[in-house]
Amino acid sequence: MAYMAKRTTHKSPKGTKLYAVREKSGKFKDVQSYKRKHGVWLAKNVGDGGLAKTPKAFRAMDAAEAALSRKTMDDPLSLTFEAPKTRLPTDKQARKETPIASGCLDYFPDACAAVANLSWVGNEQHNPGQQMHWARGKSTDEADCLIRHFMERGTDDTDGIPHTVKVAWRALAMLQKELEERHNLPISRGSRSS
């Protein structure tokens, strides 16, 4: 049986919806704006579908889109991935066995709020003026940082934030990366590769 290329949608760092095709190896084979790809599909399958563009216009990519396409082909992690529909269980019983509100948020409301505040503080430090996101390329040594903060648990760091909050954040970061790798998931919706 021939391998069928995997087709996925993503978002560029600027928020443009993209359509990508991957080879069996996982390398990006083709990346286009979703609008352009959908327009080509409409022209091919539905006639012009009320579109005023000609097929020649569909073939002509502007310089910015072409540069983005080349960049994402070479560096697929530069894309921001939308959370897949399968990130949480779809099976009825499995969903009941994953009680996010009653099994996590209700257990640790103050700890979750403290970690969320640390995420905001970190975003202001590493990405001032930008929409909140986890810039994964800025600090990648979760295990070492976690242990360093763990050794100082019960005290505040120089920025006034308890070391234990930073332990929790680093533990979540390490677990998130491990689960993404283990289950072949795209990076989380609030993450950027750099």
C-alpha atoms as a PDB file:
ATOM      1  CA  MET A   1       0.000   0.000   0.000  1.00  0.00           C
ATOM      2  CA  ALA A   2       1.413   3.385  -0.990  1.00  0.00           C
ATOM      3  CA  TYR A   3       2.090   5.938   1.732  1.00  0.00           C
ATOM      4  CA  MET A   4      -0.419   8.780   1.738  1.00  0.00           C
ATOM      5  CA  ALA A   5       1.157  12.122   2.628  1.00  0.00           C
ATOM      6  CA  LYS A   6      -0.010  13.551   5.947  1.00  0.00           C
ATOM      7  CA  ARG A   7      -1.847  16.851   5.541  1.00  0.00           C
ATOM      8  CA  THR A   8      -2.148  19.222   8.483  1.00  0.00           C
ATOM      9  CA  THR A   9      -3.035  22.835   9.184  1.00  0.00           C
ATOM     10  CA  HIS A  10      -0.819  25.167  11.207  1.00  0.00           C
ATOM     11  CA  LYS A  11      -0.431  28.849  11.999  1.00  0.00           C
ATOM     12  CA  SER A  12       2.570  30.985  11.121  1.00  0.00           C
ATOM     13  CA  PRO A  13       4.147  33.102  13.871  1.00  0.00           C
ATOM     14  CA  LYS A  14       2.107  36.024  12.488  1.00  0.00           C
ATOM     15  CA  GLY A  15      -1.158  34.057  12.682  1.00  0.00           C
ATOM     16  CA  THR A  16      -1.621  33.138   9.001  1.00  0.00           C
ATOM     17  CA  LYS A  17      -3.361  29.786   8.645  1.00  0.00           C
ATOM     18  CA  LEU A  18      -1.129  27.378   6.712  1.00  0.00           C
ATOM     19  CA  TYR A  19      -1.711  24.045   4.985  1.00  0.00           C
ATOM     20  CA  ALA A  20       1.203  21.590   5.055  1.00  0.00           C
ATOM     21  CA  VAL A  21       1.944  18.230   3.499  1.00  0.00           C
ATOM     22  CA  ARG A  22       4.565  15.976   5.104  1.00  0.00           C
ATOM     23  CA  GLU A  23       6.573  13.134   3.673  1.00  0.00           C
ATOM     24  CA  LYS A  24       6.658   9.756   5.410  1.00  0.00           C
ATOM     25  CA  SER A  25       9.851  10.833   7.209  1.00  0.00           C
ATOM     26  CA  GLY A  26       7.932  13.743   8.757  1.00  0.00           C
ATOM     27  CA  LYS A  27       9.780  16.380   6.694  1.00  0.00           C
ATOM     28  CA  PHE A  28       7.601  19.093   5.216  1.00  0.00           C
ATOM     29  CA  LYS A  29       7.028  18.508   1.514  1.00  0.00           C
ATOM     30  CA  ASP A  30       4.815  21.531   0.787  1.00  0.00           C
ATOM     31  CA  VAL A  31       3.623  24.530   2.851  1.00  0.00           C
ATOM     32  CA  GLN A  32       1.119  27.064   1.504  1.00  0.00           C
ATOM     33  CA  SER A  33      -1.303  29.540   2.973  1.00  0.00           C
ATOM     34  CA  TYR A  34      -4.587  27.784   3.669  1.00  0.00           C
ATOM     35  CA  LYS A  35      -6.460  30.531   1.783  1.00  0.00           C
ATOM     36  CA  ARG A  36      -4.378  29.933  -1.343  1.00  0.00           C
ATOM     37  CA  LYS A  37      -4.642  26.130  -1.136  1.00  0.00           C
ATOM     38  CA  HIS A  38      -8.397  26.283  -0.568  1.00  0.00           C
ATOM     39  CA  GLY A  39      -8.769  28.698  -3.518  1.00  0.00           C
ATOM     40  CA  VAL A  40      -6.902  26.272  -5.786  1.00  0.00           C
ATOM     41  CA  TRP A  41      -9.115  23.416  -4.580  1.00  0.00           C
ATOM     42  CA  LEU A  42     -12.270  25.484  -5.231  1.00  0.00           C
ATOM     43  CA  ALA A  43     -11.109  26.424  -8.714  1.00  0.00           C
ATOM     44  CA  LYS A  44     -10.322  22.792  -9.516  1.00  0.00           C
ATOM     45  CA  ASN A  45     -13.387  21.163  -7.959  1.00  0.00           C
ATOM     46  CA  VAL A  46     -16.142  23.779  -7.976  1.00  0.00           C
ATOM     47  CA  GLY A  47     -15.301  25.949 -10.941  1.00  0.00           C
ATOM     48  CA  ASP A  48     -14.436  29.475  -9.938  1.00  0.00           C
ATOM     49  CA  GLY A  49     -16.937  29.248  -7.042  1.00  0.00           C
ATOM     50  CA  GLY A  50     -17.663  32.946  -7.421  1.00  0.00           C
ATOM     51  CA  LEU A  51     -13.968  33.796  -7.181  1.00  0.00           C
ATOM     52  CA  ALA A  52     -12.686  36.493  -9.473  1.00  0.00           C
ATOM     53  CA  LYS A  53      -9.125  35.139  -9.531  1.00  0.00           C
ATOM     54  CA  THR A  54      -7.721  33.363 -12.541  1.00  0.00           C
ATOM     55  CA  PRO A  55      -5.739  30.120 -12.307  1.00  0.00           C
ATOM     56  CA  LYS A  56      -2.617  32.156 -13.119  1.00  0.00           C
ATOM     57  CA  ALA A  57      -3.280  34.300 -10.039  1.00  0.00           C
ATOM     58  CA  PHE A  58      -3.513  31.140  -7.935  1.00  0.00           C
ATOM     59  CA  ARG A  59      -0.078  30.039  -9.151  1.00  0.00           C
ATOM     60  CA  ALA A  60       1.537  33.384  -8.338  1.00  0.00           C
ATOM     61  CA  MET A  61       2.636  33.528  -4.722  1.00  0.00           C
ATOM     62  CA  ASP A  62       3.647  36.878  -3.372  1.00  0.00           C
ATOM     63  CA  ALA A  63       7.229  37.239  -2.119  1.00  0.00           C
ATOM     64  CA  ALA A  64       6.303  37.103   1.572  1.00  0.00           C
ATOM     65  CA  GLU A  65       4.312  33.884   1.199  1.00  0.00           C
ATOM     66  CA  ALA A  66       7.116  32.299  -0.837  1.00  0.00           C
ATOM     67  CA  ALA A  67       9.695  33.248   1.815  1.00  0.00           C
ATOM     68  CA  LEU A  68       7.462  31.872   4.581  1.00  0.00           C
ATOM     69  CA  SER A  69       6.966  28.677   2.607  1.00  0.00           C
ATOM     70  CA  ARG A  70      10.741  28.207   2.155  1.00  0.00           C
ATOM     71  CA  LYS A  71      11.409  29.005   5.832  1.00  0.00           C
ATOM     72  CA  THR A  72       8.838  26.528   7.128  1.00  0.00           C
ATOM     73  CA  MET A  73      10.037  23.806   4.753  1.00  0.00           C
ATOM     74  CA  ASP A  74      13.543  24.167   6.220  1.00  0.00           C
ATOM     75  CA  ASP A  75      12.450  24.774   9.829  1.00  0.00           C
ATOM     76  CA  PRO A  76       9.072  23.150  10.551  1.00  0.00           C
ATOM     77  CA  LEU A  77       9.284  24.117  14.229  1.00  0.00           C
ATOM     78  CA  SER A  78       8.953  27.762  13.202  1.00  0.00           C
ATOM     79  CA  LEU A  79       5.258  27.007  12.780  1.00  0.00           C
ATOM     80  CA  THR A  80       2.794  27.385  15.606  1.00  0.00           C
ATOM     81  CA  PHE A  81       0.694  24.271  15.688  1.00  0.00           C
ATOM     82  CA  GLU A  82      -2.994  24.298  16.452  1.00  0.00           C
ATOM     83  CA  ALA A  83      -3.959  21.812  19.122  1.00  0.00           C
ATOM     84  CA  PRO A  84      -5.150  18.629  17.426  1.00  0.00           C
ATOM     85  CA  LYS A  85      -8.648  17.333  18.077  1.00  0.00           C
ATOM     86  CA  THR A  86      -7.088  14.169  19.521  1.00  0.00           C
ATOM     87  CA  ARG A  87      -5.066  15.907  22.272  1.00  0.00           C
ATOM     88  CA  LEU A  88      -7.714  14.775  24.800  1.00  0.00           C
ATOM     89  CA  PRO A  89      -9.368  11.363  24.773  1.00  0.00           C
ATOM     90  CA  THR A  90     -12.332  10.907  22.447  1.00  0.00           C
ATOM     91  CA  ASP A  91     -13.582   7.712  24.063  1.00  0.00           C
ATOM     92  CA  LYS A  92     -16.451   8.376  26.515  1.00  0.00           C
ATOM     93  CA  GLN A  93     -14.948   6.374  29.387  1.00  0.00           C
ATOM     94  CA  ALA A  94     -11.436   7.732  28.820  1.00  0.00           C
ATOM     95  CA  ARG A  95     -12.827  11.292  28.957  1.00  0.00           C
ATOM     96  CA  LYS A  96     -14.395  10.524  32.332  1.00  0.00           C
ATOM     97  CA  GLU A  97     -11.009   9.212  33.496  1.00  0.00           C
ATOM     98  CA  THR A  98      -9.364  12.542  32.586  1.00  0.00           C
ATOM     99  CA  PRO A  99     -11.210  15.018  34.866  1.00  0.00           C
ATOM    100  CA  ILE A 100      -9.208  18.187  34.227  1.00  0.00           C
ATOM    101  CA  ALA A 101     -11.384  20.473  36.366  1.00  0.00           C
ATOM    102  CA  SER A 102     -12.166  18.155  39.283  1.00  0.00           C
ATOM    103  CA  GLY A 103      -8.916  16.156  39.071  1.00  0.00           C
ATOM    104  CA  CYS A 104      -6.410  18.989  38.621  1.00  0.00           C
ATOM    105  CA  LEU A 105      -7.759  22.551  38.814  1.00  0.00           C
ATOM    106  CA  ASP A 106      -9.999  21.803  41.818  1.00  0.00           C
ATOM    107  CA  TYR A 107      -7.120  20.007  43.573  1.00  0.00           C
ATOM    108  CA  PHE A 108      -4.519  22.712  42.977  1.00  0.00           C
ATOM    109  CA  PRO A 109      -6.303  26.045  42.304  1.00  0.00           C
ATOM    110  CA  ASP A 110      -3.738  28.232  44.077  1.00  0.00           C
ATOM    111  CA  ALA A 111      -0.769  26.365  42.584  1.00  0.00           C
ATOM    112  CA  CYS A 112      -2.267  26.645  39.064  1.00  0.00           C
ATOM    113  CA  ALA A 113      -2.831  30.386  39.583  1.00  0.00           C
ATOM    114  CA  ALA A 114       0.769  30.815  40.782  1.00  0.00           C
ATOM    115  CA  VAL A 115       2.121  28.919  37.750  1.00  0.00           C
ATOM    116  CA  ALA A 116      -0.092  30.999  35.409  1.00  0.00           C
ATOM    117  CA  ASN A 117       1.261  34.192  37.007  1.00  0.00           C
ATOM    118  CA  LEU A 118       4.832  32.926  36.541  1.00  0.00           C
ATOM    119  CA  SER A 119       4.044  32.279  32.861  1.00  0.00           C
ATOM    120  CA  TRP A 120       2.927  35.915  32.557  1.00  0.00           C
ATOM    121  CA  VAL A 121       6.048  37.196  34.361  1.00  0.00           C
ATOM    122  CA  GLY A 122       8.260  35.035  32.123  1.00  0.00           C
ATOM    123  CA  ASN A 123       6.513  36.307  28.994  1.00  0.00           C
ATOM    124  CA  GLU A 124       7.094  39.907  30.084  1.00  0.00           C
ATOM    125  CA  GLN A 125      10.774  39.077  30.696  1.00  0.00           C
ATOM    126  CA  HIS A 126      11.492  37.058  27.539  1.00  0.00           C
ATOM    127  CA  ASN A 127       8.891  38.461  25.089  1.00  0.00           C
ATOM    128  CA  PRO A 128       8.080  42.023  26.199  1.00  0.00           C
ATOM    129  CA  GLY A 129       5.166  43.532  24.312  1.00  0.00           C
ATOM    130  CA  GLN A 130       4.251  40.247  22.619  1.00  0.00           C
ATOM    131  CA  GLN A 131       1.145  38.124  23.020  1.00  0.00           C
ATOM    132  CA  MET A 132       1.641  35.615  25.821  1.00  0.00           C
ATOM    133  CA  HIS A 133       3.409  32.457  24.645  1.00  0.00           C
ATOM    134  CA  TRP A 134       6.010  29.943  25.793  1.00  0.00           C
ATOM    135  CA  ALA A 135       9.160  30.772  23.806  1.00  0.00           C
ATOM    136  CA  ARG A 136      10.675  27.296  23.986  1.00  0.00           C
ATOM    137  CA  GLY A 137      14.032  28.244  22.514  1.00  0.00           C
ATOM    138  CA  LYS A 138      14.850  30.774  25.250  1.00  0.00           C
ATOM    139  CA  SER A 139      15.488  28.255  28.057  1.00  0.00           C
ATOM    140  CA  THR A 140      15.624  24.528  27.414  1.00  0.00           C
ATOM    141  CA  ASP A 141      17.288  23.107  30.523  1.00  0.00           C
ATOM    142  CA  GLU A 142      14.133  22.191  32.456  1.00  0.00           C
ATOM    143  CA  ALA A 143      15.701  19.373  34.507  1.00  0.00           C
ATOM    144  CA  ASP A 144      18.683  21.433  35.723  1.00  0.00           C
ATOM    145  CA  CYS A 145      16.534  24.488  36.487  1.00  0.00           C
ATOM    146  CA  LEU A 146      13.923  22.363  38.249  1.00  0.00           C
ATOM    147  CA  ILE A 147      16.554  20.842  40.560  1.00  0.00           C
ATOM    148  CA  ARG A 148      18.202  24.218  41.201  1.00  0.00           C
ATOM    149  CA  HIS A 149      14.844  25.707  42.224  1.00  0.00           C
ATOM    150  CA  PHE A 150      13.983  22.563  44.196  1.00  0.00           C
ATOM    151  CA  MET A 151      17.155  22.968  46.250  1.00  0.00           C
ATOM    152  CA  GLU A 152      15.943  26.484  47.164  1.00  0.00           C
ATOM    153  CA  ARG A 153      12.320  25.434  47.848  1.00  0.00           C
ATOM    154  CA  GLY A 154      10.587  27.277  50.639  1.00  0.00           C
ATOM    155  CA  THR A 155      12.360  30.551  49.791  1.00  0.00           C
ATOM    156  CA  ASP A 156      11.792  33.304  47.242  1.00  0.00           C
ATOM    157  CA  ASP A 157      13.944  33.830  44.155  1.00  0.00           C
ATOM    158  CA  THR A 158      15.561  37.228  43.513  1.00  0.00           C
ATOM    159  CA  ASP A 159      12.448  38.346  41.595  1.00  0.00           C
ATOM    160  CA  GLY A 160      10.245  37.642  44.644  1.00  0.00           C
ATOM    161  CA  ILE A 161       8.605  34.539  43.167  1.00  0.00           C
ATOM    162  CA  PRO A 162       8.810  31.396  45.326  1.00  0.00           C
ATOM    163  CA  HIS A 163      11.283  28.821  44.029  1.00  0.00           C
ATOM    164  CA  THR A 164       8.575  26.160  44.471  1.00  0.00           C
ATOM    165  CA  VAL A 165       6.392  27.898  41.858  1.00  0.00           C
ATOM    166  CA  LYS A 166       9.344  27.702  39.457  1.00  0.00           C
ATOM    167  CA  VAL A 167       9.759  23.989  40.298  1.00  0.00           C
ATOM    168  CA  ALA A 168       6.116  23.408  39.332  1.00  0.00           C
ATOM    169  CA  TRP A 169       6.475  25.409  36.081  1.00  0.00           C
ATOM    170  CA  ARG A 170       9.642  23.553  35.061  1.00  0.00           C
ATOM    171  CA  ALA A 171       8.041  20.182  35.926  1.00  0.00           C
ATOM    172  CA  LEU A 172       5.032  21.014  33.732  1.00  0.00           C
ATOM    173  CA  ALA A 173       7.333  22.174  30.906  1.00  0.00           C
ATOM    174  CA  MET A 174       9.381  18.981  31.105  1.00  0.00           C
ATOM    175  CA  LEU A 175       6.245  16.803  31.209  1.00  0.00           C
ATOM    176  CA  GLN A 176       4.634  18.670  28.284  1.00  0.00           C
ATOM    177  CA  LYS A 177       7.696  18.141  26.085  1.00  0.00           C
ATOM    178  CA  GLU A 178       7.933  14.485  27.107  1.00  0.00           C
ATOM    179  CA  LEU A 179       4.257  13.806  26.327  1.00  0.00           C
ATOM    180  CA  GLU A 180       4.516  15.554  22.960  1.00  0.00           C
ATOM    181  CA  GLU A 181       7.523  13.438  22.047  1.00  0.00           C
ATOM    182  CA  ARG A 182       6.124  10.198  23.444  1.00  0.00           C
ATOM    183  CA  HIS A 183       2.732  10.550  21.728  1.00  0.00           C
ATOM    184  CA  ASN A 184       4.025  12.301  18.584  1.00  0.00           C
ATOM    185  CA  LEU A 185       1.951  15.424  19.310  1.00  0.00           C
ATOM    186  CA  PRO A 186       2.580  18.872  17.866  1.00  0.00           C
ATOM    187  CA  ILE A 187       3.838  21.523  20.267  1.00  0.00           C
ATOM    188  CA  SER A 188       1.157  23.024  22.473  1.00  0.00           C
ATOM    189  CA  ARG A 189      -1.039  25.858  21.223  1.00  0.00           C
ATOM    190  CA  GLY A 190       0.591  28.455  23.500  1.00  0.00           C
ATOM    191  CA  SER A 191       4.130  27.535  22.451  1.00  0.00           C
ATOM    192  CA  ARG A 192       6.557  28.957  19.925  1.00  0.00           C
ATOM    193  CA  SER A 193       9.753  27.179  18.914  1.00  0.00           C
ATOM    194  CA  SER A 194      11.908  30.253  19.584  1.00  0.00           C
END
